[in-house]
Every structure is written in C-alpha cells, then in structure tokens.
Amino acid sequence: KYLSILADPVFHKGTWTYISVPKEHSGWRLMAWRWALGDTKRLVIVNFSDETGGAPVQVADAYGEHGGDLINLQELLTGAYYDRSAQEMRTSGLYCILQPFTAQIFSY
C-alpha cells in the first residue's frame, strides 16, 4: 500500500514542508510534513515511538473548495474520509492520535 501511495508525483516533484508539531504531552512522539504539486496535496504524520502519540497538526495550506470552509480529507492508508474546517486546520490544527510506529497519509 505504501509504495502505490508514495509513487504519486507529489512526493517526487512537489514542494515539501516540515510541520512543527507541538511537543507538549505526547506530541513529541509525532513528526509531520506536507507536500504540494499543483492542486494535489498530501499530509504525512508519523509516530516514530513505542507509545501512542497525539497532537494538533497545523496545515497552513488547507483551504476548502469553492471558497468554503469545509475540506474533505481522505486517509490514504485506510481509505477513510473526514470533513473538517479548513480554518481550524490552519489555526488550531488537525488533531491526530497515532498508535506506536504507525503513520497517516492524508489527501486534501
């Protein structure tokens, strides 16, 4: 599954940005990046530790379609869909909780 997701040109030709995750509580366990290529955007969050980690991840380039606030996220590893506020993702962040040694890859 990872190879097919990572084969997307956004990961090879796109612009990537490191996202600083708040380190309070268990947030220090998470690392996050975002990639963009044209209208294609990806958010990757990884828990590199042996315990569950959770923190809000700010996504500075999250904007709803057609000028609205609603943004549709798809978690590519599970296929799950989530509707979130784009403004909330840019300001307070998307709260992510990851089990040990796992990742989430979102299309948005």
C-alpha atoms as a PDB file:
ATOM      1  CA  LYS A   1       0.000   0.000   0.000  1.00  0.00           C
ATOM      2  CA  TYR A   2       2.785   2.432   0.896  1.00  0.00           C
ATOM      3  CA  LEU A   3       4.555   2.019  -2.437  1.00  0.00           C
ATOM      4  CA  SER A   4       1.491   2.818  -4.518  1.00  0.00           C
ATOM      5  CA  ILE A   5       0.749   5.916  -2.397  1.00  0.00           C
ATOM      6  CA  LEU A   6       4.354   7.121  -2.445  1.00  0.00           C
ATOM      7  CA  ALA A   7       4.577   6.649  -6.222  1.00  0.00           C
ATOM      8  CA  ASP A   8       2.368   9.740  -6.654  1.00  0.00           C
ATOM      9  CA  PRO A   9       4.304  12.558  -8.394  1.00  0.00           C
ATOM     10  CA  VAL A  10       3.515  14.923  -5.499  1.00  0.00           C
ATOM     11  CA  PHE A  11       6.138  13.075  -3.422  1.00  0.00           C
ATOM     12  CA  HIS A  12       8.797  13.286  -6.155  1.00  0.00           C
ATOM     13  CA  LYS A  13       8.179  16.584  -7.946  1.00  0.00           C
ATOM     14  CA  GLY A  14       6.211  18.507  -5.329  1.00  0.00           C
ATOM     15  CA  THR A  15       7.296  21.017  -2.725  1.00  0.00           C
ATOM     16  CA  TRP A  16       7.586  19.626   0.795  1.00  0.00           C
ATOM     17  CA  THR A  17       7.339  21.474   4.069  1.00  0.00           C
ATOM     18  CA  TYR A  18       8.224  20.252   7.547  1.00  0.00           C
ATOM     19  CA  ILE A  19       5.445  20.928  10.084  1.00  0.00           C
ATOM     20  CA  SER A  20       6.457  21.612  13.658  1.00  0.00           C
ATOM     21  CA  VAL A  21       4.180  19.551  15.920  1.00  0.00           C
ATOM     22  CA  PRO A  22       3.607  20.873  19.475  1.00  0.00           C
ATOM     23  CA  LYS A  23       5.761  18.817  21.833  1.00  0.00           C
ATOM     24  CA  GLU A  24       3.505  19.025  24.914  1.00  0.00           C
ATOM     25  CA  HIS A  25       2.143  15.790  26.402  1.00  0.00           C
ATOM     26  CA  SER A  26       2.697  13.045  23.801  1.00  0.00           C
ATOM     27  CA  GLY A  27       3.071  15.372  20.804  1.00  0.00           C
ATOM     28  CA  TRP A  28       6.841  14.946  20.882  1.00  0.00           C
ATOM     29  CA  ARG A  29       6.282  11.436  19.523  1.00  0.00           C
ATOM     30  CA  LEU A  30       4.933  12.746  16.196  1.00  0.00           C
ATOM     31  CA  MET A  31       6.556  14.231  13.106  1.00  0.00           C
ATOM     32  CA  ALA A  32       4.656  15.762  10.190  1.00  0.00           C
ATOM     33  CA  TRP A  33       5.252  17.021   6.640  1.00  0.00           C
ATOM     34  CA  ARG A  34       3.118  18.273   3.796  1.00  0.00           C
ATOM     35  CA  TRP A  35       3.674  18.048   0.046  1.00  0.00           C
ATOM     36  CA  ALA A  36       2.046  20.085  -2.728  1.00  0.00           C
ATOM     37  CA  LEU A  37       2.133  19.820  -6.518  1.00  0.00           C
ATOM     38  CA  GLY A  38      -0.476  21.929  -8.300  1.00  0.00           C
ATOM     39  CA  ASP A  39      -3.854  21.048  -6.760  1.00  0.00           C
ATOM     40  CA  THR A  40      -2.519  17.801  -5.261  1.00  0.00           C
ATOM     41  CA  LYS A  41      -1.744  17.993  -1.541  1.00  0.00           C
ATOM     42  CA  ARG A  42      -0.615  15.384   0.968  1.00  0.00           C
ATOM     43  CA  LEU A  43      -0.155  15.456   4.732  1.00  0.00           C
ATOM     44  CA  VAL A  44       2.009  12.786   6.377  1.00  0.00           C
ATOM     45  CA  ILE A  45       2.103  12.214  10.135  1.00  0.00           C
ATOM     46  CA  VAL A  46       4.350   9.545  11.653  1.00  0.00           C
ATOM     47  CA  ASN A  47       4.671   8.224  15.202  1.00  0.00           C
ATOM     48  CA  PHE A  48       8.279   7.064  15.490  1.00  0.00           C
ATOM     49  CA  SER A  49       7.917   5.980  19.114  1.00  0.00           C
ATOM     50  CA  ASP A  50       6.881   2.860  21.004  1.00  0.00           C
ATOM     51  CA  GLU A  51       3.845   4.535  22.652  1.00  0.00           C
ATOM     52  CA  THR A  52       0.709   6.282  21.404  1.00  0.00           C
ATOM     53  CA  GLY A  53       1.168   9.940  20.499  1.00  0.00           C
ATOM     54  CA  GLY A  54      -1.304  12.726  19.855  1.00  0.00           C
ATOM     55  CA  ALA A  55      -1.144  16.401  18.949  1.00  0.00           C
ATOM     56  CA  PRO A  56      -2.734  19.062  16.757  1.00  0.00           C
ATOM     57  CA  VAL A  57      -1.023  19.387  13.363  1.00  0.00           C
ATOM     58  CA  GLN A  58      -1.374  22.797  11.721  1.00  0.00           C
ATOM     59  CA  VAL A  59      -1.851  22.652   7.951  1.00  0.00           C
ATOM     60  CA  ALA A  60      -1.096  26.134   6.601  1.00  0.00           C
ATOM     61  CA  ASP A  61      -2.297  25.399   3.050  1.00  0.00           C
ATOM     62  CA  ALA A  62      -5.685  23.866   3.997  1.00  0.00           C
ATOM     63  CA  TYR A  63      -8.457  25.635   2.069  1.00  0.00           C
ATOM     64  CA  GLY A  64     -11.992  24.480   1.335  1.00  0.00           C
ATOM     65  CA  GLU A  65     -13.289  24.044  -2.181  1.00  0.00           C
ATOM     66  CA  HIS A  66     -15.080  26.909  -3.947  1.00  0.00           C
ATOM     67  CA  GLY A  67     -14.131  29.400  -1.231  1.00  0.00           C
ATOM     68  CA  GLY A  68     -15.960  27.483   1.501  1.00  0.00           C
ATOM     69  CA  ASP A  69     -14.546  26.355   4.820  1.00  0.00           C
ATOM     70  CA  LEU A  70     -15.264  22.620   4.512  1.00  0.00           C
ATOM     71  CA  ILE A  71     -12.340  20.464   3.483  1.00  0.00           C
ATOM     72  CA  ASN A  72     -12.592  16.778   2.658  1.00  0.00           C
ATOM     73  CA  LEU A  73      -9.674  14.641   3.816  1.00  0.00           C
ATOM     74  CA  GLN A  74      -9.012  11.082   2.728  1.00  0.00           C
ATOM     75  CA  GLU A  75      -6.669   8.960   4.820  1.00  0.00           C
ATOM     76  CA  LEU A  76      -4.974   7.010   2.047  1.00  0.00           C
ATOM     77  CA  LEU A  77      -3.801   4.017   4.088  1.00  0.00           C
ATOM     78  CA  THR A  78      -7.306   3.166   5.346  1.00  0.00           C
ATOM     79  CA  GLY A  79      -9.483   4.865   2.728  1.00  0.00           C
ATOM     80  CA  ALA A  80     -11.432   6.708   5.460  1.00  0.00           C
ATOM     81  CA  TYR A  81     -12.928  10.135   4.685  1.00  0.00           C
ATOM     82  CA  TYR A  82     -13.242  13.055   7.085  1.00  0.00           C
ATOM     83  CA  ASP A  83     -14.822  16.500   6.708  1.00  0.00           C
ATOM     84  CA  ARG A  84     -13.060  19.234   8.654  1.00  0.00           C
ATOM     85  CA  SER A  85     -12.943  23.007   8.899  1.00  0.00           C
ATOM     86  CA  ALA A  86     -10.102  24.360   6.754  1.00  0.00           C
ATOM     87  CA  GLN A  87      -9.777  27.399   9.014  1.00  0.00           C
ATOM     88  CA  GLU A  88      -9.470  25.145  12.064  1.00  0.00           C
ATOM     89  CA  MET A  89      -6.799  23.078  10.319  1.00  0.00           C
ATOM     90  CA  ARG A  90      -4.814  26.255   9.575  1.00  0.00           C
ATOM     91  CA  THR A  91      -5.150  27.701  13.080  1.00  0.00           C
ATOM     92  CA  SER A  92      -5.640  25.190  15.906  1.00  0.00           C
ATOM     93  CA  GLY A  93      -4.696  22.202  13.742  1.00  0.00           C
ATOM     94  CA  LEU A  94      -5.963  18.749  12.831  1.00  0.00           C
ATOM     95  CA  TYR A  95      -5.779  16.649  16.000  1.00  0.00           C
ATOM     96  CA  CYS A  96      -4.067  13.340  15.214  1.00  0.00           C
ATOM     97  CA  ILE A  97      -3.648  10.331  17.503  1.00  0.00           C
ATOM     98  CA  LEU A  98      -1.346   7.608  16.230  1.00  0.00           C
ATOM     99  CA  GLN A  99      -0.540   4.221  17.659  1.00  0.00           C
ATOM    100  CA  PRO A 100       3.147   3.250  18.093  1.00  0.00           C
ATOM    101  CA  PHE A 101       5.202   3.056  14.892  1.00  0.00           C
ATOM    102  CA  THR A 102       2.309   3.996  12.596  1.00  0.00           C
ATOM    103  CA  ALA A 103       1.615   6.681  10.022  1.00  0.00           C
ATOM    104  CA  GLN A 104      -1.280   8.541   8.461  1.00  0.00           C
ATOM    105  CA  ILE A 105      -1.181   9.927   4.922  1.00  0.00           C
ATOM    106  CA  PHE A 106      -3.954  12.358   4.030  1.00  0.00           C
ATOM    107  CA  SER A 107      -5.032  13.691   0.667  1.00  0.00           C
ATOM    108  CA  TYR A 108      -6.741  17.091   0.949  1.00  0.00           C
END
